[in-house]
Amino acid sequence: PLKSQIKNYLFKTDVLTEQEAIKLI
C-alpha cells in the first residue's frame, strides 16, 4: 500500500542533489 503511494517521491538520502533538495522542500 505504501510502495505504490510513494513511488514518485523516493529520495536517496545518502547523496541528496541540489535538485532533489529543492524538490523535497
mmCIF file of all heavy atoms, coordinates in Angstrom:
data_MODEL
# 
_entry.id   MODEL 
# 
loop_
_atom_site.group_PDB 
_atom_site.id 
_atom_site.type_symbol 
_atom_site.label_atom_id 
_atom_site.label_alt_id 
_atom_site.label_comp_id 
_atom_site.label_asym_id 
_atom_site.label_entity_id 
_atom_site.label_seq_id 
_atom_site.pdbx_PDB_ins_code 
_atom_site.Cartn_x 
_atom_site.Cartn_y 
_atom_site.Cartn_z 
_atom_site.occupancy 
_atom_site.B_iso_or_equiv 
_atom_site.pdbx_formal_charge 
_atom_site.auth_seq_id 
_atom_site.auth_comp_id 
_atom_site.auth_asym_id 
_atom_site.auth_atom_id 
_atom_site.pdbx_PDB_model_num 
ATOM 1   N N   . PRO A 1 1  ? 0.811  -1.233 0.000  1.00 0.00 ? 1  PRO A N   1 
ATOM 2   C CA  . PRO A 1 1  ? 0.000  0.000  0.000  1.00 0.00 ? 1  PRO A CA  1 
ATOM 3   C C   . PRO A 1 1  ? 0.842  1.281  0.000  1.00 0.00 ? 1  PRO A C   1 
ATOM 4   O O   . PRO A 1 1  ? 0.520  2.233  -0.688 1.00 0.00 ? 1  PRO A O   1 
ATOM 5   C CB  . PRO A 1 1  ? -0.812 -0.102 1.292  1.00 0.00 ? 1  PRO A CB  1 
ATOM 6   C CG  . PRO A 1 1  ? -0.876 -1.555 1.590  1.00 0.00 ? 1  PRO A CG  1 
ATOM 7   C CD  . PRO A 1 1  ? 0.421  -2.124 1.096  1.00 0.00 ? 1  PRO A CD  1 
ATOM 8   N N   . LEU A 1 2  ? 1.936  1.272  0.756  1.00 0.00 ? 2  LEU A N   1 
ATOM 9   C CA  . LEU A 1 2  ? 2.805  2.451  0.780  1.00 0.00 ? 2  LEU A CA  1 
ATOM 10  C C   . LEU A 1 2  ? 3.698  2.504  -0.441 1.00 0.00 ? 2  LEU A C   1 
ATOM 11  O O   . LEU A 1 2  ? 3.958  3.577  -0.976 1.00 0.00 ? 2  LEU A O   1 
ATOM 12  C CB  . LEU A 1 2  ? 3.675  2.450  2.042  1.00 0.00 ? 2  LEU A CB  1 
ATOM 13  C CG  . LEU A 1 2  ? 3.090  3.124  3.260  1.00 0.00 ? 2  LEU A CG  1 
ATOM 14  C CD1 . LEU A 1 2  ? 4.037  3.017  4.441  1.00 0.00 ? 2  LEU A CD1 1 
ATOM 15  C CD2 . LEU A 1 2  ? 2.747  4.554  3.012  1.00 0.00 ? 2  LEU A CD2 1 
ATOM 16  N N   . LYS A 1 3  ? 4.178  1.378  -0.876 1.00 0.00 ? 3  LYS A N   1 
ATOM 17  C CA  . LYS A 1 3  ? 5.089  1.329  -2.019 1.00 0.00 ? 3  LYS A CA  1 
ATOM 18  C C   . LYS A 1 3  ? 4.460  1.991  -3.240 1.00 0.00 ? 3  LYS A C   1 
ATOM 19  O O   . LYS A 1 3  ? 5.102  2.783  -3.917 1.00 0.00 ? 3  LYS A O   1 
ATOM 20  C CB  . LYS A 1 3  ? 5.474  -0.118 -2.325 1.00 0.00 ? 3  LYS A CB  1 
ATOM 21  C CG  . LYS A 1 3  ? 6.659  -0.264 -3.245 1.00 0.00 ? 3  LYS A CG  1 
ATOM 22  C CD  . LYS A 1 3  ? 6.923  -1.730 -3.515 1.00 0.00 ? 3  LYS A CD  1 
ATOM 23  C CE  . LYS A 1 3  ? 8.276  -2.124 -3.029 1.00 0.00 ? 3  LYS A CE  1 
ATOM 24  N NZ  . LYS A 1 3  ? 8.615  -3.507 -3.342 1.00 0.00 ? 3  LYS A NZ  1 
ATOM 25  N N   . SER A 1 4  ? 3.189  1.701  -3.501 1.00 0.00 ? 4  SER A N   1 
ATOM 26  C CA  . SER A 1 4  ? 2.533  2.289  -4.667 1.00 0.00 ? 4  SER A CA  1 
ATOM 27  C C   . SER A 1 4  ? 2.280  3.789  -4.482 1.00 0.00 ? 4  SER A C   1 
ATOM 28  O O   . SER A 1 4  ? 2.289  4.544  -5.443 1.00 0.00 ? 4  SER A O   1 
ATOM 29  C CB  . SER A 1 4  ? 1.231  1.555  -4.981 1.00 0.00 ? 4  SER A CB  1 
ATOM 30  O OG  . SER A 1 4  ? 0.333  1.667  -3.904 1.00 0.00 ? 4  SER A OG  1 
ATOM 31  N N   . GLN A 1 5  ? 2.068  4.252  -3.238 1.00 0.00 ? 5  GLN A N   1 
ATOM 32  C CA  . GLN A 1 5  ? 1.842  5.672  -2.954 1.00 0.00 ? 5  GLN A CA  1 
ATOM 33  C C   . GLN A 1 5  ? 3.103  6.504  -3.129 1.00 0.00 ? 5  GLN A C   1 
ATOM 34  O O   . GLN A 1 5  ? 3.026  7.652  -3.543 1.00 0.00 ? 5  GLN A O   1 
ATOM 35  C CB  . GLN A 1 5  ? 1.377  5.874  -1.514 1.00 0.00 ? 5  GLN A CB  1 
ATOM 36  C CG  . GLN A 1 5  ? -0.062 5.753  -1.167 1.00 0.00 ? 5  GLN A CG  1 
ATOM 37  C CD  . GLN A 1 5  ? -0.980 6.735  -1.832 1.00 0.00 ? 5  GLN A CD  1 
ATOM 38  O OE1 . GLN A 1 5  ? -1.663 6.338  -2.738 1.00 0.00 ? 5  GLN A OE1 1 
ATOM 39  N NE2 . GLN A 1 5  ? -1.034 7.966  -1.398 1.00 0.00 ? 5  GLN A NE2 1 
ATOM 40  N N   . ILE A 1 6  ? 4.246  5.957  -2.771 1.00 0.00 ? 6  ILE A N   1 
ATOM 41  C CA  . ILE A 1 6  ? 5.464  6.772  -2.699 1.00 0.00 ? 6  ILE A CA  1 
ATOM 42  C C   . ILE A 1 6  ? 6.407  6.619  -3.887 1.00 0.00 ? 6  ILE A C   1 
ATOM 43  O O   . ILE A 1 6  ? 7.432  7.267  -3.923 1.00 0.00 ? 6  ILE A O   1 
ATOM 44  C CB  . ILE A 1 6  ? 6.251  6.478  -1.405 1.00 0.00 ? 6  ILE A CB  1 
ATOM 45  C CG1 . ILE A 1 6  ? 6.777  5.047  -1.403 1.00 0.00 ? 6  ILE A CG1 1 
ATOM 46  C CG2 . ILE A 1 6  ? 5.424  6.776  -0.184 1.00 0.00 ? 6  ILE A CG2 1 
ATOM 47  C CD1 . ILE A 1 6  ? 7.785  4.760  -0.333 1.00 0.00 ? 6  ILE A CD1 1 
ATOM 48  N N   . LYS A 1 7  ? 6.040  5.802  -4.853 1.00 0.00 ? 7  LYS A N   1 
ATOM 49  C CA  . LYS A 1 7  ? 6.983  5.503  -5.930 1.00 0.00 ? 7  LYS A CA  1 
ATOM 50  C C   . LYS A 1 7  ? 7.532  6.751  -6.623 1.00 0.00 ? 7  LYS A C   1 
ATOM 51  O O   . LYS A 1 7  ? 8.667  6.755  -7.064 1.00 0.00 ? 7  LYS A O   1 
ATOM 52  C CB  . LYS A 1 7  ? 6.369  4.552  -6.937 1.00 0.00 ? 7  LYS A CB  1 
ATOM 53  C CG  . LYS A 1 7  ? 5.175  5.095  -7.670 1.00 0.00 ? 7  LYS A CG  1 
ATOM 54  C CD  . LYS A 1 7  ? 4.576  4.055  -8.578 1.00 0.00 ? 7  LYS A CD  1 
ATOM 55  C CE  . LYS A 1 7  ? 3.273  4.617  -9.154 1.00 0.00 ? 7  LYS A CE  1 
ATOM 56  N NZ  . LYS A 1 7  ? 2.500  3.598  -9.779 1.00 0.00 ? 7  LYS A NZ  1 
ATOM 57  N N   . ASN A 1 8  ? 6.776  7.832  -6.682 1.00 0.00 ? 8  ASN A N   1 
ATOM 58  C CA  . ASN A 1 8  ? 7.245  9.064  -7.330 1.00 0.00 ? 8  ASN A CA  1 
ATOM 59  C C   . ASN A 1 8  ? 7.939  10.021 -6.363 1.00 0.00 ? 8  ASN A C   1 
ATOM 60  O O   . ASN A 1 8  ? 8.356  11.090 -6.763 1.00 0.00 ? 8  ASN A O   1 
ATOM 61  C CB  . ASN A 1 8  ? 6.067  9.780  -7.995 1.00 0.00 ? 8  ASN A CB  1 
ATOM 62  C CG  . ASN A 1 8  ? 5.477  8.972  -9.124 1.00 0.00 ? 8  ASN A CG  1 
ATOM 63  O OD1 . ASN A 1 8  ? 6.186  8.257  -9.825 1.00 0.00 ? 8  ASN A OD1 1 
ATOM 64  N ND2 . ASN A 1 8  ? 4.179  9.072  -9.293 1.00 0.00 ? 8  ASN A ND2 1 
ATOM 65  N N   . TYR A 1 9  ? 8.020  9.643  -5.092 1.00 0.00 ? 9  TYR A N   1 
ATOM 66  C CA  . TYR A 1 9  ? 8.559  10.548 -4.081 1.00 0.00 ? 9  TYR A CA  1 
ATOM 67  C C   . TYR A 1 9  ? 9.708  9.943  -3.301 1.00 0.00 ? 9  TYR A C   1 
ATOM 68  O O   . TYR A 1 9  ? 9.887  10.247 -2.131 1.00 0.00 ? 9  TYR A O   1 
ATOM 69  C CB  . TYR A 1 9  ? 7.450  10.979 -3.108 1.00 0.00 ? 9  TYR A CB  1 
ATOM 70  C CG  . TYR A 1 9  ? 6.315  11.676 -3.809 1.00 0.00 ? 9  TYR A CG  1 
ATOM 71  C CD1 . TYR A 1 9  ? 5.149  11.005 -4.109 1.00 0.00 ? 9  TYR A CD1 1 
ATOM 72  C CD2 . TYR A 1 9  ? 6.436  13.000 -4.185 1.00 0.00 ? 9  TYR A CD2 1 
ATOM 73  C CE1 . TYR A 1 9  ? 4.108  11.646 -4.768 1.00 0.00 ? 9  TYR A CE1 1 
ATOM 74  C CE2 . TYR A 1 9  ? 5.405  13.648 -4.848 1.00 0.00 ? 9  TYR A CE2 1 
ATOM 75  C CZ  . TYR A 1 9  ? 4.246  12.961 -5.136 1.00 0.00 ? 9  TYR A CZ  1 
ATOM 76  O OH  . TYR A 1 9  ? 3.236  13.596 -5.787 1.00 0.00 ? 9  TYR A OH  1 
ATOM 77  N N   . LEU A 1 10 ? 10.471 9.091  -3.913 1.00 0.00 ? 10 LEU A N   1 
ATOM 78  C CA  . LEU A 1 10 ? 11.602 8.475  -3.229 1.00 0.00 ? 10 LEU A CA  1 
ATOM 79  C C   . LEU A 1 10 ? 12.831 9.355  -3.340 1.00 0.00 ? 10 LEU A C   1 
ATOM 80  O O   . LEU A 1 10 ? 13.152 9.867  -4.409 1.00 0.00 ? 10 LEU A O   1 
ATOM 81  C CB  . LEU A 1 10 ? 11.905 7.094  -3.825 1.00 0.00 ? 10 LEU A CB  1 
ATOM 82  C CG  . LEU A 1 10 ? 10.858 6.022  -3.585 1.00 0.00 ? 10 LEU A CG  1 
ATOM 83  C CD1 . LEU A 1 10 ? 11.253 4.749  -4.313 1.00 0.00 ? 10 LEU A CD1 1 
ATOM 84  C CD2 . LEU A 1 10 ? 10.686 5.745  -2.113 1.00 0.00 ? 10 LEU A CD2 1 
ATOM 85  N N   . PHE A 1 11 ? 13.515 9.522  -2.231 1.00 0.00 ? 11 PHE A N   1 
ATOM 86  C CA  . PHE A 1 11 ? 14.763 10.266 -2.200 1.00 0.00 ? 11 PHE A CA  1 
ATOM 87  C C   . PHE A 1 11 ? 15.819 9.386  -1.575 1.00 0.00 ? 11 PHE A C   1 
ATOM 88  O O   . PHE A 1 11 ? 15.619 8.873  -0.475 1.00 0.00 ? 11 PHE A O   1 
ATOM 89  C CB  . PHE A 1 11 ? 14.637 11.548 -1.353 1.00 0.00 ? 11 PHE A CB  1 
ATOM 90  C CG  . PHE A 1 11 ? 13.691 12.554 -1.910 1.00 0.00 ? 11 PHE A CG  1 
ATOM 91  C CD1 . PHE A 1 11 ? 12.383 12.599 -1.479 1.00 0.00 ? 11 PHE A CD1 1 
ATOM 92  C CD2 . PHE A 1 11 ? 14.115 13.442 -2.867 1.00 0.00 ? 11 PHE A CD2 1 
ATOM 93  C CE1 . PHE A 1 11 ? 11.505 13.528 -1.983 1.00 0.00 ? 11 PHE A CE1 1 
ATOM 94  C CE2 . PHE A 1 11 ? 13.241 14.372 -3.391 1.00 0.00 ? 11 PHE A CE2 1 
ATOM 95  C CZ  . PHE A 1 11 ? 11.932 14.420 -2.951 1.00 0.00 ? 11 PHE A CZ  1 
ATOM 96  N N   . LYS A 1 12 ? 16.914 9.221  -2.266 1.00 0.00 ? 12 LYS A N   1 
ATOM 97  C CA  . LYS A 1 12 ? 18.033 8.504  -1.668 1.00 0.00 ? 12 LYS A CA  1 
ATOM 98  C C   . LYS A 1 12 ? 18.800 9.525  -0.842 1.00 0.00 ? 12 LYS A C   1 
ATOM 99  O O   . LYS A 1 12 ? 19.294 10.515 -1.363 1.00 0.00 ? 12 LYS A O   1 
ATOM 100 C CB  . LYS A 1 12 ? 18.926 7.893  -2.746 1.00 0.00 ? 12 LYS A CB  1 
ATOM 101 C CG  . LYS A 1 12 ? 18.218 6.797  -3.501 1.00 0.00 ? 12 LYS A CG  1 
ATOM 102 C CD  . LYS A 1 12 ? 19.126 6.166  -4.511 1.00 0.00 ? 12 LYS A CD  1 
ATOM 103 C CE  . LYS A 1 12 ? 18.360 5.062  -5.216 1.00 0.00 ? 12 LYS A CE  1 
ATOM 104 N NZ  . LYS A 1 12 ? 19.158 4.406  -6.218 1.00 0.00 ? 12 LYS A NZ  1 
ATOM 105 N N   . THR A 1 13 ? 18.852 9.290  0.436  1.00 0.00 ? 13 THR A N   1 
ATOM 106 C CA  . THR A 1 13 ? 19.401 10.306 1.327  1.00 0.00 ? 13 THR A CA  1 
ATOM 107 C C   . THR A 1 13 ? 20.904 10.233 1.509  1.00 0.00 ? 13 THR A C   1 
ATOM 108 O O   . THR A 1 13 ? 21.468 11.099 2.142  1.00 0.00 ? 13 THR A O   1 
ATOM 109 C CB  . THR A 1 13 ? 18.727 10.226 2.710  1.00 0.00 ? 13 THR A CB  1 
ATOM 110 O OG1 . THR A 1 13 ? 18.915 8.923  3.226  1.00 0.00 ? 13 THR A OG1 1 
ATOM 111 C CG2 . THR A 1 13 ? 17.264 10.552 2.609  1.00 0.00 ? 13 THR A CG2 1 
ATOM 112 N N   . ASP A 1 14 ? 21.539 9.215  0.946  1.00 0.00 ? 14 ASP A N   1 
ATOM 113 C CA  . ASP A 1 14 ? 22.984 9.173  1.126  1.00 0.00 ? 14 ASP A CA  1 
ATOM 114 C C   . ASP A 1 14 ? 23.666 10.286 0.340  1.00 0.00 ? 14 ASP A C   1 
ATOM 115 O O   . ASP A 1 14 ? 24.660 10.829 0.766  1.00 0.00 ? 14 ASP A O   1 
ATOM 116 C CB  . ASP A 1 14 ? 23.551 7.795  0.762  1.00 0.00 ? 14 ASP A CB  1 
ATOM 117 C CG  . ASP A 1 14 ? 23.181 7.347  -0.635 1.00 0.00 ? 14 ASP A CG  1 
ATOM 118 O OD1 . ASP A 1 14 ? 22.295 7.946  -1.257 1.00 0.00 ? 14 ASP A OD1 1 
ATOM 119 O OD2 . ASP A 1 14 ? 23.776 6.380  -1.115 1.00 0.00 ? 14 ASP A OD2 1 
ATOM 120 N N   . VAL A 1 15 ? 23.127 10.657 -0.808 1.00 0.00 ? 15 VAL A N   1 
ATOM 121 C CA  . VAL A 1 15 ? 23.650 11.770 -1.584 1.00 0.00 ? 15 VAL A CA  1 
ATOM 122 C C   . VAL A 1 15 ? 22.457 12.523 -2.162 1.00 0.00 ? 15 VAL A C   1 
ATOM 123 O O   . VAL A 1 15 ? 21.865 12.109 -3.139 1.00 0.00 ? 15 VAL A O   1 
ATOM 124 C CB  . VAL A 1 15 ? 24.580 11.283 -2.731 1.00 0.00 ? 15 VAL A CB  1 
ATOM 125 C CG1 . VAL A 1 15 ? 25.102 12.459 -3.526 1.00 0.00 ? 15 VAL A CG1 1 
ATOM 126 C CG2 . VAL A 1 15 ? 25.725 10.467 -2.188 1.00 0.00 ? 15 VAL A CG2 1 
ATOM 127 N N   . LEU A 1 16 ? 22.104 13.609 -1.524 1.00 0.00 ? 16 LEU A N   1 
ATOM 128 C CA  . LEU A 1 16 ? 20.980 14.416 -1.965 1.00 0.00 ? 16 LEU A CA  1 
ATOM 129 C C   . LEU A 1 16 ? 21.511 15.495 -2.900 1.00 0.00 ? 16 LEU A C   1 
ATOM 130 O O   . LEU A 1 16 ? 22.393 16.261 -2.525 1.00 0.00 ? 16 LEU A O   1 
ATOM 131 C CB  . LEU A 1 16 ? 20.306 15.059 -0.742 1.00 0.00 ? 16 LEU A CB  1 
ATOM 132 C CG  . LEU A 1 16 ? 18.986 15.763 -0.935 1.00 0.00 ? 16 LEU A CG  1 
ATOM 133 C CD1 . LEU A 1 16 ? 17.908 14.761 -1.343 1.00 0.00 ? 16 LEU A CD1 1 
ATOM 134 C CD2 . LEU A 1 16 ? 18.566 16.445 0.352  1.00 0.00 ? 16 LEU A CD2 1 
ATOM 135 N N   . THR A 1 17 ? 20.994 15.549 -4.124 1.00 0.00 ? 17 THR A N   1 
ATOM 136 C CA  . THR A 1 17 ? 21.434 16.573 -5.070 1.00 0.00 ? 17 THR A CA  1 
ATOM 137 C C   . THR A 1 17 ? 20.697 17.880 -4.803 1.00 0.00 ? 17 THR A C   1 
ATOM 138 O O   . THR A 1 17 ? 19.684 17.901 -4.096 1.00 0.00 ? 17 THR A O   1 
ATOM 139 C CB  . THR A 1 17 ? 21.153 16.144 -6.525 1.00 0.00 ? 17 THR A CB  1 
ATOM 140 O OG1 . THR A 1 17 ? 19.736 16.111 -6.731 1.00 0.00 ? 17 THR A OG1 1 
ATOM 141 C CG2 . THR A 1 17 ? 21.774 14.786 -6.831 1.00 0.00 ? 17 THR A CG2 1 
ATOM 142 N N   . GLU A 1 18 ? 21.187 18.956 -5.392 1.00 0.00 ? 18 GLU A N   1 
ATOM 143 C CA  . GLU A 1 18 ? 20.516 20.250 -5.245 1.00 0.00 ? 18 GLU A CA  1 
ATOM 144 C C   . GLU A 1 18 ? 19.078 20.170 -5.731 1.00 0.00 ? 18 GLU A C   1 
ATOM 145 O O   . GLU A 1 18 ? 18.170 20.672 -5.085 1.00 0.00 ? 18 GLU A O   1 
ATOM 146 C CB  . GLU A 1 18 ? 21.245 21.335 -6.060 1.00 0.00 ? 18 GLU A CB  1 
ATOM 147 C CG  . GLU A 1 18 ? 22.340 22.011 -5.334 1.00 0.00 ? 18 GLU A CG  1 
ATOM 148 C CD  . GLU A 1 18 ? 22.915 23.181 -6.124 1.00 0.00 ? 18 GLU A CD  1 
ATOM 149 O OE1 . GLU A 1 18 ? 22.245 23.712 -7.049 1.00 0.00 ? 18 GLU A OE1 1 
ATOM 150 O OE2 . GLU A 1 18 ? 24.039 23.564 -5.801 1.00 0.00 ? 18 GLU A OE2 1 
ATOM 151 N N   . GLN A 1 19 ? 18.880 19.552 -6.891 1.00 0.00 ? 19 GLN A N   1 
ATOM 152 C CA  . GLN A 1 19 ? 17.533 19.450 -7.458 1.00 0.00 ? 19 GLN A CA  1 
ATOM 153 C C   . GLN A 1 19 ? 16.612 18.618 -6.565 1.00 0.00 ? 19 GLN A C   1 
ATOM 154 O O   . GLN A 1 19 ? 15.439 18.946 -6.406 1.00 0.00 ? 19 GLN A O   1 
ATOM 155 C CB  . GLN A 1 19 ? 17.589 18.871 -8.875 1.00 0.00 ? 19 GLN A CB  1 
ATOM 156 C CG  . GLN A 1 19 ? 18.188 19.819 -9.882 1.00 0.00 ? 19 GLN A CG  1 
ATOM 157 C CD  . GLN A 1 19 ? 17.509 21.189 -9.885 1.00 0.00 ? 19 GLN A CD  1 
ATOM 158 O OE1 . GLN A 1 19 ? 16.286 21.286 -9.949 1.00 0.00 ? 19 GLN A OE1 1 
ATOM 159 N NE2 . GLN A 1 19 ? 18.293 22.250 -9.796 1.00 0.00 ? 19 GLN A NE2 1 
ATOM 160 N N   . GLU A 1 20 ? 17.142 17.540 -5.975 1.00 0.00 ? 20 GLU A N   1 
ATOM 161 C CA  . GLU A 1 20 ? 16.341 16.730 -5.052 1.00 0.00 ? 20 GLU A CA  1 
ATOM 162 C C   . GLU A 1 20 ? 16.003 17.525 -3.801 1.00 0.00 ? 20 GLU A C   1 
ATOM 163 O O   . GLU A 1 20 ? 14.897 17.413 -3.272 1.00 0.00 ? 20 GLU A O   1 
ATOM 164 C CB  . GLU A 1 20 ? 17.085 15.448 -4.677 1.00 0.00 ? 20 GLU A CB  1 
ATOM 165 C CG  . GLU A 1 20 ? 17.168 14.438 -5.795 1.00 0.00 ? 20 GLU A CG  1 
ATOM 166 C CD  . GLU A 1 20 ? 18.061 13.261 -5.467 1.00 0.00 ? 20 GLU A CD  1 
ATOM 167 O OE1 . GLU A 1 20 ? 19.037 13.426 -4.709 1.00 0.00 ? 20 GLU A OE1 1 
ATOM 168 O OE2 . GLU A 1 20 ? 17.793 12.172 -5.991 1.00 0.00 ? 20 GLU A OE2 1 
ATOM 169 N N   . ALA A 1 21 ? 16.940 18.332 -3.329 1.00 0.00 ? 21 ALA A N   1 
ATOM 170 C CA  . ALA A 1 21 ? 16.699 19.165 -2.146 1.00 0.00 ? 21 ALA A CA  1 
ATOM 171 C C   . ALA A 1 21 ? 15.587 20.170 -2.432 1.00 0.00 ? 21 ALA A C   1 
ATOM 172 O O   . ALA A 1 21 ? 14.667 20.341 -1.628 1.00 0.00 ? 21 ALA A O   1 
ATOM 173 C CB  . ALA A 1 21 ? 17.978 19.882 -1.733 1.00 0.00 ? 21 ALA A CB  1 
ATOM 174 N N   . ILE A 1 22 ? 15.642 20.808 -3.585 1.00 0.00 ? 22 ILE A N   1 
ATOM 175 C CA  . ILE A 1 22 ? 14.611 21.774 -3.965 1.00 0.00 ? 22 ILE A CA  1 
ATOM 176 C C   . ILE A 1 22 ? 13.262 21.072 -4.079 1.00 0.00 ? 22 ILE A C   1 
ATOM 177 O O   . ILE A 1 22 ? 12.252 21.548 -3.545 1.00 0.00 ? 22 ILE A O   1 
ATOM 178 C CB  . ILE A 1 22 ? 14.996 22.482 -5.281 1.00 0.00 ? 22 ILE A CB  1 
ATOM 179 C CG1 . ILE A 1 22 ? 16.208 23.394 -5.051 1.00 0.00 ? 22 ILE A CG1 1 
ATOM 180 C CG2 . ILE A 1 22 ? 13.806 23.273 -5.842 1.00 0.00 ? 22 ILE A CG2 1 
ATOM 181 C CD1 . ILE A 1 22 ? 16.861 23.896 -6.317 1.00 0.00 ? 22 ILE A CD1 1 
ATOM 182 N N   . LYS A 1 23 ? 13.250 19.926 -4.751 1.00 0.00 ? 23 LYS A N   1 
ATOM 183 C CA  . LYS A 1 23 ? 12.008 19.175 -4.932 1.00 0.00 ? 23 LYS A CA  1 
ATOM 184 C C   . LYS A 1 23 ? 11.441 18.723 -3.586 1.00 0.00 ? 23 LYS A C   1 
ATOM 185 O O   . LYS A 1 23 ? 10.235 18.805 -3.347 1.00 0.00 ? 23 LYS A O   1 
ATOM 186 C CB  . LYS A 1 23 ? 12.270 17.963 -5.832 1.00 0.00 ? 23 LYS A CB  1 
ATOM 187 C CG  . LYS A 1 23 ? 11.039 17.179 -6.184 1.00 0.00 ? 23 LYS A CG  1 
ATOM 188 C CD  . LYS A 1 23 ? 11.383 16.035 -7.126 1.00 0.00 ? 23 LYS A CD  1 
ATOM 189 C CE  . LYS A 1 23 ? 10.165 15.173 -7.396 1.00 0.00 ? 23 LYS A CE  1 
ATOM 190 N NZ  . LYS A 1 23 ? 10.483 14.018 -8.239 1.00 0.00 ? 23 LYS A NZ  1 
ATOM 191 N N   . LEU A 1 24 ? 12.314 18.273 -2.693 1.00 0.00 ? 24 LEU A N   1 
ATOM 192 C CA  . LEU A 1 24 ? 11.890 17.838 -1.368 1.00 0.00 ? 24 LEU A CA  1 
ATOM 193 C C   . LEU A 1 24 ? 11.208 18.972 -0.612 1.00 0.00 ? 24 LEU A C   1 
ATOM 194 O O   . LEU A 1 24 ? 10.104 18.816 -0.099 1.00 0.00 ? 24 LEU A O   1 
ATOM 195 C CB  . LEU A 1 24 ? 13.090 17.313 -0.574 1.00 0.00 ? 24 LEU A CB  1 
ATOM 196 C CG  . LEU A 1 24 ? 12.862 16.992 0.894  1.00 0.00 ? 24 LEU A CG  1 
ATOM 197 C CD1 . LEU A 1 24 ? 11.903 15.816 1.050  1.00 0.00 ? 24 LEU A CD1 1 
ATOM 198 C CD2 . LEU A 1 24 ? 14.187 16.690 1.591  1.00 0.00 ? 24 LEU A CD2 1 
ATOM 199 N N   . ILE A 1 25 ? 11.859 20.120 -0.571 1.00 0.00 ? 25 ILE A N   1 
ATOM 200 C CA  . ILE A 1 25 ? 11.312 21.260 0.178  1.00 0.00 ? 25 ILE A CA  1 
ATOM 201 C C   . ILE A 1 25 ? 10.033 21.776 -0.473 1.00 0.00 ? 25 ILE A C   1 
ATOM 202 O O   . ILE A 1 25 ? 9.035  22.026 0.215  1.00 0.00 ? 25 ILE A O   1 
ATOM 203 C CB  . ILE A 1 25 ? 12.357 22.388 0.319  1.00 0.00 ? 25 ILE A CB  1 
ATOM 204 C CG1 . ILE A 1 25 ? 13.590 21.893 1.091  1.00 0.00 ? 25 ILE A CG1 1 
ATOM 205 C CG2 . ILE A 1 25 ? 11.740 23.620 0.972  1.00 0.00 ? 25 ILE A CG2 1 
ATOM 206 C CD1 . ILE A 1 25 ? 13.308 21.308 2.461  1.00 0.00 ? 25 ILE A CD1 1 
# 
